[in-house]
Amino acid sequence: MRPLRQAAQIPGGAGTPTANSKHKKGKGRTGHSAHASAASCGDELWELARAATALRARSPGLPELAEATAALQDLAIGAAGPGAAESRHAELGALQADWIRVSG
């Protein structure tokens, strides 16, 4: 896969580690259990997948963005609980509906 910042031509784009990065090794940012950290990670993946899907709908000509979006969607749905996976899948479909009608 190609880096998203290369596709969007963003120098030092999002995700580049910085000295002020909140993500550190260990028990997580707040010291919660592994279960709480996994749930938080799943929620963060979901937010990233939603944002990437919306961006993809506005910028359909970037194959690199399509790859990154599909990967985030897969991770976010996989990290969801049994009931949430179905509703997340439906929401992502709705976010992409306009783009699919225009390009399809």
PDB file of N, CA and C in Angstrom:
ATOM      1  N   MET A   1       0.836  -1.183   0.000  1.00  0.00           N
ATOM      2  CA  MET A   1       0.000   0.000   0.000  1.00  0.00           C
ATOM      3  C   MET A   1       0.876   1.240   0.000  1.00  0.00           C
ATOM      4  N   ARG A   2       0.337   2.257  -0.616  1.00  0.00           N
ATOM      5  CA  ARG A   2       1.052   3.524  -0.652  1.00  0.00           C
ATOM      6  C   ARG A   2       0.640   4.385   0.544  1.00  0.00           C
ATOM      7  N   PRO A   3       1.580   5.138   1.082  1.00  0.00           N
ATOM      8  CA  PRO A   3       1.226   6.010   2.213  1.00  0.00           C
ATOM      9  C   PRO A   3       0.214   7.067   1.794  1.00  0.00           C
ATOM     10  N   LEU A   4      -0.773   7.325   2.655  1.00  0.00           N
ATOM     11  CA  LEU A   4      -1.808   8.300   2.364  1.00  0.00           C
ATOM     12  C   LEU A   4      -1.227   9.698   2.176  1.00  0.00           C
ATOM     13  N   ARG A   5      -0.232  10.051   2.977  1.00  0.00           N
ATOM     14  CA  ARG A   5       0.317  11.412   2.833  1.00  0.00           C
ATOM     15  C   ARG A   5       0.960  11.599   1.471  1.00  0.00           C
ATOM     16  N   GLN A   6       1.491  10.514   0.871  1.00  0.00           N
ATOM     17  CA  GLN A   6       2.052  10.598  -0.475  1.00  0.00           C
ATOM     18  C   GLN A   6       0.928  10.845  -1.471  1.00  0.00           C
ATOM     19  N   ALA A   7      -0.178  10.132  -1.313  1.00  0.00           N
ATOM     20  CA  ALA A   7      -1.310  10.287  -2.219  1.00  0.00           C
ATOM     21  C   ALA A   7      -1.898  11.683  -2.131  1.00  0.00           C
ATOM     22  N   ALA A   8      -2.016  12.199  -0.940  1.00  0.00           N
ATOM     23  CA  ALA A   8      -2.595  13.522  -0.738  1.00  0.00           C
ATOM     24  C   ALA A   8      -1.547  14.625  -0.793  1.00  0.00           C
ATOM     25  N   GLN A   9      -0.297  14.240  -0.986  1.00  0.00           N
ATOM     26  CA  GLN A   9       0.838  15.166  -1.027  1.00  0.00           C
ATOM     27  C   GLN A   9       0.865  16.071   0.201  1.00  0.00           C
ATOM     28  N   ILE A  10       0.764  15.429   1.365  1.00  0.00           N
ATOM     29  CA  ILE A  10       0.799  16.135   2.640  1.00  0.00           C
ATOM     30  C   ILE A  10       2.173  15.928   3.258  1.00  0.00           C
ATOM     31  N   PRO A  11       3.021  16.961   3.314  1.00  0.00           N
ATOM     32  CA  PRO A  11       4.321  16.780   3.939  1.00  0.00           C
ATOM     33  C   PRO A  11       4.175  16.546   5.434  1.00  0.00           C
ATOM     34  N   GLY A  12       4.832  15.483   5.925  1.00  0.00           N
ATOM     35  CA  GLY A  12       4.767  15.170   7.358  1.00  0.00           C
ATOM     36  C   GLY A  12       3.347  14.970   7.829  1.00  0.00           C
ATOM     37  N   GLY A  13       2.532  14.317   6.992  1.00  0.00           N
ATOM     38  CA  GLY A  13       1.100  14.185   7.218  1.00  0.00           C
ATOM     39  C   GLY A  13       0.723  13.566   8.553  1.00  0.00           C
ATOM     40  N   ALA A  14      -0.571  13.495   8.762  1.00  0.00           N
ATOM     41  CA  ALA A  14      -1.112  12.917   9.995  1.00  0.00           C
ATOM     42  C   ALA A  14      -0.571  11.520  10.187  1.00  0.00           C
ATOM     43  N   GLY A  15      -0.349  11.165  11.399  1.00  0.00           N
ATOM     44  CA  GLY A  15       0.181   9.850  11.706  1.00  0.00           C
ATOM     45  C   GLY A  15       1.684   9.851  11.866  1.00  0.00           C
ATOM     46  N   THR A  16       2.324  10.962  11.527  1.00  0.00           N
ATOM     47  CA  THR A  16       3.752  11.056  11.712  1.00  0.00           C
ATOM     48  C   THR A  16       4.029  11.250  13.189  1.00  0.00           C
ATOM     49  N   PRO A  17       4.831  10.366  13.798  1.00  0.00           N
ATOM     50  CA  PRO A  17       5.105  10.517  15.222  1.00  0.00           C
ATOM     51  C   PRO A  17       5.787  11.845  15.525  1.00  0.00           C
ATOM     52  N   THR A  18       5.379  12.449  16.607  1.00  0.00           N
ATOM     53  CA  THR A  18       5.994  13.694  17.044  1.00  0.00           C
ATOM     54  C   THR A  18       6.369  13.577  18.510  1.00  0.00           C
ATOM     55  N   ALA A  19       7.093  14.538  18.989  1.00  0.00           N
ATOM     56  CA  ALA A  19       7.485  14.543  20.398  1.00  0.00           C
ATOM     57  C   ALA A  19       6.260  14.678  21.296  1.00  0.00           C
ATOM     58  N   ASN A  20       5.184  15.278  20.785  1.00  0.00           N
ATOM     59  CA  ASN A  20       3.983  15.486  21.574  1.00  0.00           C
ATOM     60  C   ASN A  20       2.942  14.388  21.369  1.00  0.00           C
ATOM     61  N   SER A  21       3.320  13.300  20.724  1.00  0.00           N
ATOM     62  CA  SER A  21       2.380  12.222  20.435  1.00  0.00           C
ATOM     63  C   SER A  21       1.749  11.698  21.715  1.00  0.00           C
ATOM     64  N   LYS A  22       0.428  11.467  21.667  1.00  0.00           N
ATOM     65  CA  LYS A  22      -0.292  10.956  22.837  1.00  0.00           C
ATOM     66  C   LYS A  22      -0.146   9.452  22.973  1.00  0.00           C
ATOM     67  N   HIS A  23       0.216   8.767  21.889  1.00  0.00           N
ATOM     68  CA  HIS A  23       0.285   7.310  21.918  1.00  0.00           C
ATOM     69  C   HIS A  23       1.667   6.863  22.376  1.00  0.00           C
ATOM     70  N   LYS A  24       1.700   6.194  23.489  1.00  0.00           N
ATOM     71  CA  LYS A  24       2.948   5.700  24.042  1.00  0.00           C
ATOM     72  C   LYS A  24       2.790   4.229  24.364  1.00  0.00           C
ATOM     73  N   LYS A  25       3.896   3.520  24.449  1.00  0.00           N
ATOM     74  CA  LYS A  25       3.853   2.105  24.805  1.00  0.00           C
ATOM     75  C   LYS A  25       3.455   1.959  26.263  1.00  0.00           C
ATOM     76  N   GLY A  26       2.853   0.820  26.549  1.00  0.00           N
ATOM     77  CA  GLY A  26       2.485   0.557  27.933  1.00  0.00           C
ATOM     78  C   GLY A  26       1.017   0.232  28.046  1.00  0.00           C
ATOM     79  N   LYS A  27       0.407   0.641  29.138  1.00  0.00           N
ATOM     80  CA  LYS A  27      -0.982   0.300  29.417  1.00  0.00           C
ATOM     81  C   LYS A  27      -1.973   1.170  28.668  1.00  0.00           C
ATOM     82  N   GLY A  28      -1.555   2.067  27.870  1.00  0.00           N
ATOM     83  CA  GLY A  28      -2.469   2.965  27.185  1.00  0.00           C
ATOM     84  C   GLY A  28      -2.373   4.345  27.797  1.00  0.00           C
ATOM     85  N   ARG A  29      -3.089   5.268  27.192  1.00  0.00           N
ATOM     86  CA  ARG A  29      -2.994   6.656  27.623  1.00  0.00           C
ATOM     87  C   ARG A  29      -3.497   6.879  29.036  1.00  0.00           C
ATOM     88  N   THR A  30      -4.481   6.132  29.458  1.00  0.00           N
ATOM     89  CA  THR A  30      -5.056   6.389  30.771  1.00  0.00           C
ATOM     90  C   THR A  30      -4.800   5.282  31.776  1.00  0.00           C
ATOM     91  N   GLY A  31      -4.048   4.254  31.385  1.00  0.00           N
ATOM     92  CA  GLY A  31      -3.753   3.169  32.304  1.00  0.00           C
ATOM     93  C   GLY A  31      -4.886   2.172  32.446  1.00  0.00           C
ATOM     94  N   HIS A  32      -5.887   2.208  31.569  1.00  0.00           N
ATOM     95  CA  HIS A  32      -7.016   1.287  31.633  1.00  0.00           C
ATOM     96  C   HIS A  32      -6.566  -0.121  31.264  1.00  0.00           C
ATOM     97  N   SER A  33      -7.418  -1.063  31.509  1.00  0.00           N
ATOM     98  CA  SER A  33      -7.127  -2.459  31.197  1.00  0.00           C
ATOM     99  C   SER A  33      -6.999  -2.656  29.689  1.00  0.00           C
ATOM    100  N   ALA A  34      -6.508  -3.833  29.303  1.00  0.00           N
ATOM    101  CA  ALA A  34      -6.360  -4.151  27.885  1.00  0.00           C
ATOM    102  C   ALA A  34      -7.712  -4.136  27.194  1.00  0.00           C
ATOM    103  N   HIS A  35      -8.774  -4.590  27.892  1.00  0.00           N
ATOM    104  CA  HIS A  35     -10.110  -4.596  27.292  1.00  0.00           C
ATOM    105  C   HIS A  35     -10.573  -3.176  26.983  1.00  0.00           C
ATOM    106  N   ALA A  36     -10.392  -2.275  27.916  1.00  0.00           N
ATOM    107  CA  ALA A  36     -10.783  -0.883  27.708  1.00  0.00           C
ATOM    108  C   ALA A  36      -9.959  -0.263  26.587  1.00  0.00           C
ATOM    109  N   SER A  37      -8.683  -0.596  26.525  1.00  0.00           N
ATOM    110  CA  SER A  37      -7.830  -0.066  25.467  1.00  0.00           C
ATOM    111  C   SER A  37      -8.256  -0.593  24.106  1.00  0.00           C
ATOM    112  N   ALA A  38      -8.642  -1.880  24.054  1.00  0.00           N
ATOM    113  CA  ALA A  38      -9.093  -2.459  22.792  1.00  0.00           C
ATOM    114  C   ALA A  38     -10.396  -1.793  22.346  1.00  0.00           C
ATOM    115  N   ALA A  39     -11.292  -1.533  23.283  1.00  0.00           N
ATOM    116  CA  ALA A  39     -12.549  -0.867  22.941  1.00  0.00           C
ATOM    117  C   ALA A  39     -12.274   0.546  22.443  1.00  0.00           C
ATOM    118  N   SER A  40     -11.378   1.245  23.103  1.00  0.00           N
ATOM    119  CA  SER A  40     -11.010   2.590  22.684  1.00  0.00           C
ATOM    120  C   SER A  40     -10.377   2.569  21.298  1.00  0.00           C
ATOM    121  N   CYS A  41      -9.518   1.595  21.062  1.00  0.00           N
ATOM    122  CA  CYS A  41      -8.877   1.458  19.751  1.00  0.00           C
ATOM    123  C   CYS A  41      -9.931   1.201  18.681  1.00  0.00           C
ATOM    124  N   GLY A  42     -10.905   0.350  18.985  1.00  0.00           N
ATOM    125  CA  GLY A  42     -11.982   0.074  18.043  1.00  0.00           C
ATOM    126  C   GLY A  42     -12.790   1.315  17.732  1.00  0.00           C
ATOM    127  N   ASP A  43     -13.047   2.139  18.758  1.00  0.00           N
ATOM    128  CA  ASP A  43     -13.778   3.389  18.550  1.00  0.00           C
ATOM    129  C   ASP A  43     -12.972   4.362  17.693  1.00  0.00           C
ATOM    130  N   GLU A  44     -11.673   4.431  17.947  1.00  0.00           N
ATOM    131  CA  GLU A  44     -10.821   5.317  17.159  1.00  0.00           C
ATOM    132  C   GLU A  44     -10.741   4.841  15.710  1.00  0.00           C
ATOM    133  N   LEU A  45     -10.636   3.532  15.497  1.00  0.00           N
ATOM    134  CA  LEU A  45     -10.649   2.988  14.140  1.00  0.00           C
ATOM    135  C   LEU A  45     -11.948   3.340  13.429  1.00  0.00           C
ATOM    136  N   TRP A  46     -13.052   3.249  14.155  1.00  0.00           N
ATOM    137  CA  TRP A  46     -14.347   3.577  13.578  1.00  0.00           C
ATOM    138  C   TRP A  46     -14.391   5.036  13.142  1.00  0.00           C
ATOM    139  N   GLU A  47     -13.923   5.936  13.976  1.00  0.00           N
ATOM    140  CA  GLU A  47     -13.915   7.354  13.610  1.00  0.00           C
ATOM    141  C   GLU A  47     -13.014   7.600  12.394  1.00  0.00           C
ATOM    142  N   LEU A  48     -11.859   6.950  12.362  1.00  0.00           N
ATOM    143  CA  LEU A  48     -10.962   7.087  11.207  1.00  0.00           C
ATOM    144  C   LEU A  48     -11.610   6.539   9.939  1.00  0.00           C
ATOM    145  N   ALA A  49     -12.272   5.402  10.048  1.00  0.00           N
ATOM    146  CA  ALA A  49     -12.931   4.800   8.886  1.00  0.00           C
ATOM    147  C   ALA A  49     -14.040   5.709   8.358  1.00  0.00           C
ATOM    148  N   ARG A  50     -14.804   6.296   9.262  1.00  0.00           N
ATOM    149  CA  ARG A  50     -15.872   7.210   8.841  1.00  0.00           C
ATOM    150  C   ARG A  50     -15.299   8.439   8.153  1.00  0.00           C
ATOM    151  N   ALA A  51     -14.241   9.011   8.718  1.00  0.00           N
ATOM    152  CA  ALA A  51     -13.624  10.196   8.120  1.00  0.00           C
ATOM    153  C   ALA A  51     -13.006   9.868   6.758  1.00  0.00           C
ATOM    154  N   ALA A  52     -12.327   8.733   6.670  1.00  0.00           N
ATOM    155  CA  ALA A  52     -11.714   8.330   5.402  1.00  0.00           C
ATOM    156  C   ALA A  52     -12.782   8.060   4.348  1.00  0.00           C
ATOM    157  N   THR A  53     -13.899   7.468   4.754  1.00  0.00           N
ATOM    158  CA  THR A  53     -14.985   7.183   3.820  1.00  0.00           C
ATOM    159  C   THR A  53     -15.583   8.476   3.279  1.00  0.00           C
ATOM    160  N   ALA A  54     -15.779   9.451   4.142  1.00  0.00           N
ATOM    161  CA  ALA A  54     -16.299  10.750   3.705  1.00  0.00           C
ATOM    162  C   ALA A  54     -15.316  11.434   2.759  1.00  0.00           C
ATOM    163  N   LEU A  55     -14.034  11.361   3.078  1.00  0.00           N
ATOM    164  CA  LEU A  55     -13.011  11.948   2.212  1.00  0.00           C
ATOM    165  C   LEU A  55     -12.971  11.230   0.874  1.00  0.00           C
ATOM    166  N   ARG A  56     -13.076   9.922   0.900  1.00  0.00           N
ATOM    167  CA  ARG A  56     -13.081   9.115  -0.327  1.00  0.00           C
ATOM    168  C   ARG A  56     -14.251   9.505  -1.222  1.00  0.00           C
ATOM    169  N   ALA A  57     -15.399   9.762  -0.623  1.00  0.00           N
ATOM    170  CA  ALA A  57     -16.567  10.160  -1.398  1.00  0.00           C
ATOM    171  C   ALA A  57     -16.354  11.515  -2.078  1.00  0.00           C
ATOM    172  N   ARG A  58     -15.568  12.390  -1.450  1.00  0.00           N
ATOM    173  CA  ARG A  58     -15.283  13.710  -2.030  1.00  0.00           C
ATOM    174  C   ARG A  58     -14.121  13.681  -3.008  1.00  0.00           C
ATOM    175  N   SER A  59     -13.262  12.650  -2.935  1.00  0.00           N
ATOM    176  CA  SER A  59     -12.062  12.573  -3.769  1.00  0.00           C
ATOM    177  C   SER A  59     -11.962  11.191  -4.415  1.00  0.00           C
ATOM    178  N   PRO A  60     -12.885  10.863  -5.321  1.00  0.00           N
ATOM    179  CA  PRO A  60     -12.915   9.506  -5.869  1.00  0.00           C
ATOM    180  C   PRO A  60     -11.760   9.165  -6.809  1.00  0.00           C
ATOM    181  N   GLY A  61     -10.988  10.135  -7.231  1.00  0.00           N
ATOM    182  CA  GLY A  61      -9.926   9.884  -8.199  1.00  0.00           C
ATOM    183  C   GLY A  61      -8.598   9.435  -7.612  1.00  0.00           C
ATOM    184  N   LEU A  62      -8.536   9.156  -6.325  1.00  0.00           N
ATOM    185  CA  LEU A  62      -7.281   8.757  -5.692  1.00  0.00           C
ATOM    186  C   LEU A  62      -7.302   7.269  -5.319  1.00  0.00           C
ATOM    187  N   PRO A  63      -6.663   6.419  -6.119  1.00  0.00           N
ATOM    188  CA  PRO A  63      -6.676   4.988  -5.796  1.00  0.00           C
ATOM    189  C   PRO A  63      -6.003   4.679  -4.464  1.00  0.00           C
ATOM    190  N   GLU A  64      -5.016   5.471  -4.087  1.00  0.00           N
ATOM    191  CA  GLU A  64      -4.347   5.258  -2.803  1.00  0.00           C
ATOM    192  C   GLU A  64      -5.305   5.493  -1.644  1.00  0.00           C
ATOM    193  N   LEU A  65      -6.161   6.487  -1.791  1.00  0.00           N
ATOM    194  CA  LEU A  65      -7.154   6.776  -0.762  1.00  0.00           C
ATOM    195  C   LEU A  65      -8.188   5.655  -0.693  1.00  0.00           C
ATOM    196  N   ALA A  66      -8.525   5.105  -1.840  1.00  0.00           N
ATOM    197  CA  ALA A  66      -9.466   3.976  -1.861  1.00  0.00           C
ATOM    198  C   ALA A  66      -8.889   2.791  -1.099  1.00  0.00           C
ATOM    199  N   GLU A  67      -7.608   2.507  -1.304  1.00  0.00           N
ATOM    200  CA  GLU A  67      -6.948   1.400  -0.601  1.00  0.00           C
ATOM    201  C   GLU A  67      -6.936   1.630   0.905  1.00  0.00           C
ATOM    202  N   ALA A  68      -6.543   2.822   1.309  1.00  0.00           N
ATOM    203  CA  ALA A  68      -6.465   3.147   2.735  1.00  0.00           C
ATOM    204  C   ALA A  68      -7.852   3.103   3.374  1.00  0.00           C
ATOM    205  N   THR A  69      -8.845   3.621   2.669  1.00  0.00           N
ATOM    206  CA  THR A  69     -10.207   3.631   3.195  1.00  0.00           C
ATOM    207  C   THR A  69     -10.739   2.216   3.375  1.00  0.00           C
ATOM    208  N   ALA A  70     -10.525   1.378   2.372  1.00  0.00           N
ATOM    209  CA  ALA A  70     -10.990  -0.008   2.462  1.00  0.00           C
ATOM    210  C   ALA A  70     -10.333  -0.734   3.639  1.00  0.00           C
ATOM    211  N   ALA A  71      -9.046  -0.486   3.839  1.00  0.00           N
ATOM    212  CA  ALA A  71      -8.342  -1.127   4.955  1.00  0.00           C
ATOM    213  C   ALA A  71      -8.892  -0.651   6.298  1.00  0.00           C
ATOM    214  N   LEU A  72      -9.130   0.645   6.435  1.00  0.00           N
ATOM    215  CA  LEU A  72      -9.690   1.177   7.676  1.00  0.00           C
ATOM    216  C   LEU A  72     -11.104   0.653   7.921  1.00  0.00           C
ATOM    217  N   GLN A  73     -11.903   0.572   6.867  1.00  0.00           N
ATOM    218  CA  GLN A  73     -13.249   0.041   7.011  1.00  0.00           C
ATOM    219  C   GLN A  73     -13.206  -1.404   7.491  1.00  0.00           C
ATOM    220  N   ASP A  74     -12.329  -2.198   6.906  1.00  0.00           N
ATOM    221  CA  ASP A  74     -12.198  -3.603   7.288  1.00  0.00           C
ATOM    222  C   ASP A  74     -11.779  -3.737   8.748  1.00  0.00           C
ATOM    223  N   LEU A  75     -10.798  -2.945   9.159  1.00  0.00           N
ATOM    224  CA  LEU A  75     -10.340  -2.983  10.549  1.00  0.00           C
ATOM    225  C   LEU A  75     -11.439  -2.537  11.516  1.00  0.00           C
ATOM    226  N   ALA A  76     -12.140  -1.468  11.170  1.00  0.00           N
ATOM    227  CA  ALA A  76     -13.167  -0.930  12.060  1.00  0.00           C
ATOM    228  C   ALA A  76     -14.332  -1.905  12.223  1.00  0.00           C
ATOM    229  N   ILE A  77     -14.738  -2.539  11.143  1.00  0.00           N
ATOM    230  CA  ILE A  77     -15.839  -3.501  11.243  1.00  0.00           C
ATOM    231  C   ILE A  77     -15.372  -4.750  11.975  1.00  0.00           C
ATOM    232  N   GLY A  78     -14.144  -5.170  11.735  1.00  0.00           N
ATOM    233  CA  GLY A  78     -13.597  -6.334  12.427  1.00  0.00           C
ATOM    234  C   GLY A  78     -13.434  -6.111  13.921  1.00  0.00           C
ATOM    235  N   ALA A  79     -13.176  -4.876  14.322  1.00  0.00           N
ATOM    236  CA  ALA A  79     -12.974  -4.555  15.737  1.00  0.00           C
ATOM    237  C   ALA A  79     -14.288  -4.322  16.468  1.00  0.00           C
ATOM    238  N   ALA A  80     -15.390  -4.237  15.721  1.00  0.00           N
ATOM    239  CA  ALA A  80     -16.693  -3.973  16.332  1.00  0.00           C
ATOM    240  C   ALA A  80     -17.258  -5.237  16.953  1.00  0.00           C
ATOM    241  N   GLY A  81     -18.089  -5.056  17.921  1.00  0.00           N
ATOM    242  CA  GLY A  81     -18.798  -6.189  18.511  1.00  0.00           C
ATOM    243  C   GLY A  81     -19.820  -6.727  17.522  1.00  0.00           C
ATOM    244  N   PRO A  82     -20.387  -7.904  17.805  1.00  0.00           N
ATOM    245  CA  PRO A  82     -21.318  -8.538  16.868  1.00  0.00           C
ATOM    246  C   PRO A  82     -22.481  -7.637  16.428  1.00  0.00           C
ATOM    247  N   GLY A  83     -23.099  -6.928  17.338  1.00  0.00           N
ATOM    248  CA  GLY A  83     -24.208  -6.056  16.976  1.00  0.00           C
ATOM    249  C   GLY A  83     -23.770  -4.799  16.258  1.00  0.00           C
ATOM    250  N   ALA A  84     -22.619  -4.276  16.624  1.00  0.00           N
ATOM    251  CA  ALA A  84     -22.141  -3.021  16.046  1.00  0.00           C
ATOM    252  C   ALA A  84     -21.625  -3.194  14.619  1.00  0.00           C
ATOM    253  N   ALA A  85     -21.091  -4.358  14.292  1.00  0.00           N
ATOM    254  CA  ALA A  85     -20.516  -4.567  12.967  1.00  0.00           C
ATOM    255  C   ALA A  85     -21.558  -4.350  11.873  1.00  0.00           C
ATOM    256  N   GLU A  86     -22.756  -4.859  12.093  1.00  0.00           N
ATOM    257  CA  GLU A  86     -23.807  -4.728  11.084  1.00  0.00           C
ATOM    258  C   GLU A  86     -24.225  -3.264  10.904  1.00  0.00           C
ATOM    259  N   SER A  87     -24.385  -2.545  12.002  1.00  0.00           N
ATOM    260  CA  SER A  87     -24.794  -1.144  11.894  1.00  0.00           C
ATOM    261  C   SER A  87     -23.674  -0.284  11.309  1.00  0.00           C
ATOM    262  N   ARG A  88     -22.434  -0.609  11.637  1.00  0.00           N
ATOM    263  CA  ARG A  88     -21.311   0.133  11.059  1.00  0.00           C
ATOM    264  C   ARG A  88     -21.238  -0.091   9.556  1.00  0.00           C
ATOM    265  N   HIS A  89     -21.446  -1.321   9.134  1.00  0.00           N
ATOM    266  CA  HIS A  89     -21.423  -1.643   7.713  1.00  0.00           C
ATOM    267  C   HIS A  89     -22.504  -0.835   6.985  1.00  0.00           C
ATOM    268  N   ALA A  90     -23.691  -0.756   7.566  1.00  0.00           N
ATOM    269  CA  ALA A  90     -24.790   0.007   6.971  1.00  0.00           C
ATOM    270  C   ALA A  90     -24.448   1.498   6.907  1.00  0.00           C
ATOM    271  N   GLU A  91     -23.843   2.027   7.965  1.00  0.00           N
ATOM    272  CA  GLU A  91     -23.495   3.455   7.977  1.00  0.00           C
ATOM    273  C   GLU A  91     -22.449   3.776   6.920  1.00  0.00           C
ATOM    274  N   LEU A  92     -21.456   2.907   6.776  1.00  0.00           N
ATOM    275  CA  LEU A  92     -20.442   3.124   5.743  1.00  0.00           C
ATOM    276  C   LEU A  92     -21.074   3.070   4.359  1.00  0.00           C
ATOM    277  N   GLY A  93     -22.011   2.170   4.167  1.00  0.00           N
ATOM    278  CA  GLY A  93     -22.716   2.097   2.890  1.00  0.00           C
ATOM    279  C   GLY A  93     -23.459   3.389   2.585  1.00  0.00           C
ATOM    280  N   ALA A  94     -24.100   3.954   3.613  1.00  0.00           N
ATOM    281  CA  ALA A  94     -24.825   5.210   3.428  1.00  0.00           C
ATOM    282  C   ALA A  94     -23.869   6.358   3.103  1.00  0.00           C
ATOM    283  N   LEU A  95     -22.711   6.380   3.754  1.00  0.00           N
ATOM    284  CA  LEU A  95     -21.730   7.439   3.480  1.00  0.00           C
ATOM    285  C   LEU A  95     -21.218   7.370   2.040  1.00  0.00           C
ATOM    286  N   GLN A  96     -21.184   6.163   1.486  1.00  0.00           N
ATOM    287  CA  GLN A  96     -20.663   5.968   0.129  1.00  0.00           C
ATOM    288  C   GLN A  96     -21.752   5.982  -0.935  1.00  0.00           C
ATOM    289  N   ALA A  97     -23.012   5.999  -0.523  1.00  0.00           N
ATOM    290  CA  ALA A  97     -24.114   5.853  -1.476  1.00  0.00           C
ATOM    291  C   ALA A  97     -24.083   6.892  -2.581  1.00  0.00           C
ATOM    292  N   ASP A  98     -23.895   8.150  -2.246  1.00  0.00           N
ATOM    293  CA  ASP A  98     -23.880   9.199  -3.265  1.00  0.00           C
ATOM    294  C   ASP A  98     -22.731   9.010  -4.244  1.00  0.00           C
ATOM    295  N   TRP A  99     -21.568   8.678  -3.723  1.00  0.00           N
ATOM    296  CA  TRP A  99     -20.403   8.480  -4.581  1.00  0.00           C
ATOM    297  C   TRP A  99     -20.604   7.289  -5.500  1.00  0.00           C
ATOM    298  N   ILE A 100     -21.167   6.225  -4.992  1.00  0.00           N
ATOM    299  CA  ILE A 100     -21.378   5.024  -5.800  1.00  0.00           C
ATOM    300  C   ILE A 100     -22.361   5.301  -6.914  1.00  0.00           C
ATOM    301  N   ARG A 101     -23.426   6.081  -6.661  1.00  0.00           N
ATOM    302  CA  ARG A 101     -24.394   6.423  -7.701  1.00  0.00           C
ATOM    303  C   ARG A 101     -23.759   7.282  -8.792  1.00  0.00           C
ATOM    304  N   VAL A 102     -22.878   8.214  -8.399  1.00  0.00           N
ATOM    305  CA  VAL A 102     -22.265   9.126  -9.360  1.00  0.00           C
ATOM    306  C   VAL A 102     -21.247   8.392 -10.239  1.00  0.00           C
ATOM    307  N   SER A 103     -20.426   7.547  -9.629  1.00  0.00           N
ATOM    308  CA  SER A 103     -19.350   6.909 -10.384  1.00  0.00           C
ATOM    309  C   SER A 103     -19.757   5.581 -11.009  1.00  0.00           C
ATOM    310  N   GLY A 104     -20.833   4.978 -10.526  1.00  0.00           N
ATOM    311  CA  GLY A 104     -21.232   3.641 -10.966  1.00  0.00           C
ATOM    312  C   GLY A 104     -21.976   3.579 -12.239  1.00  0.00           C
TER     313      GLY A 104
END
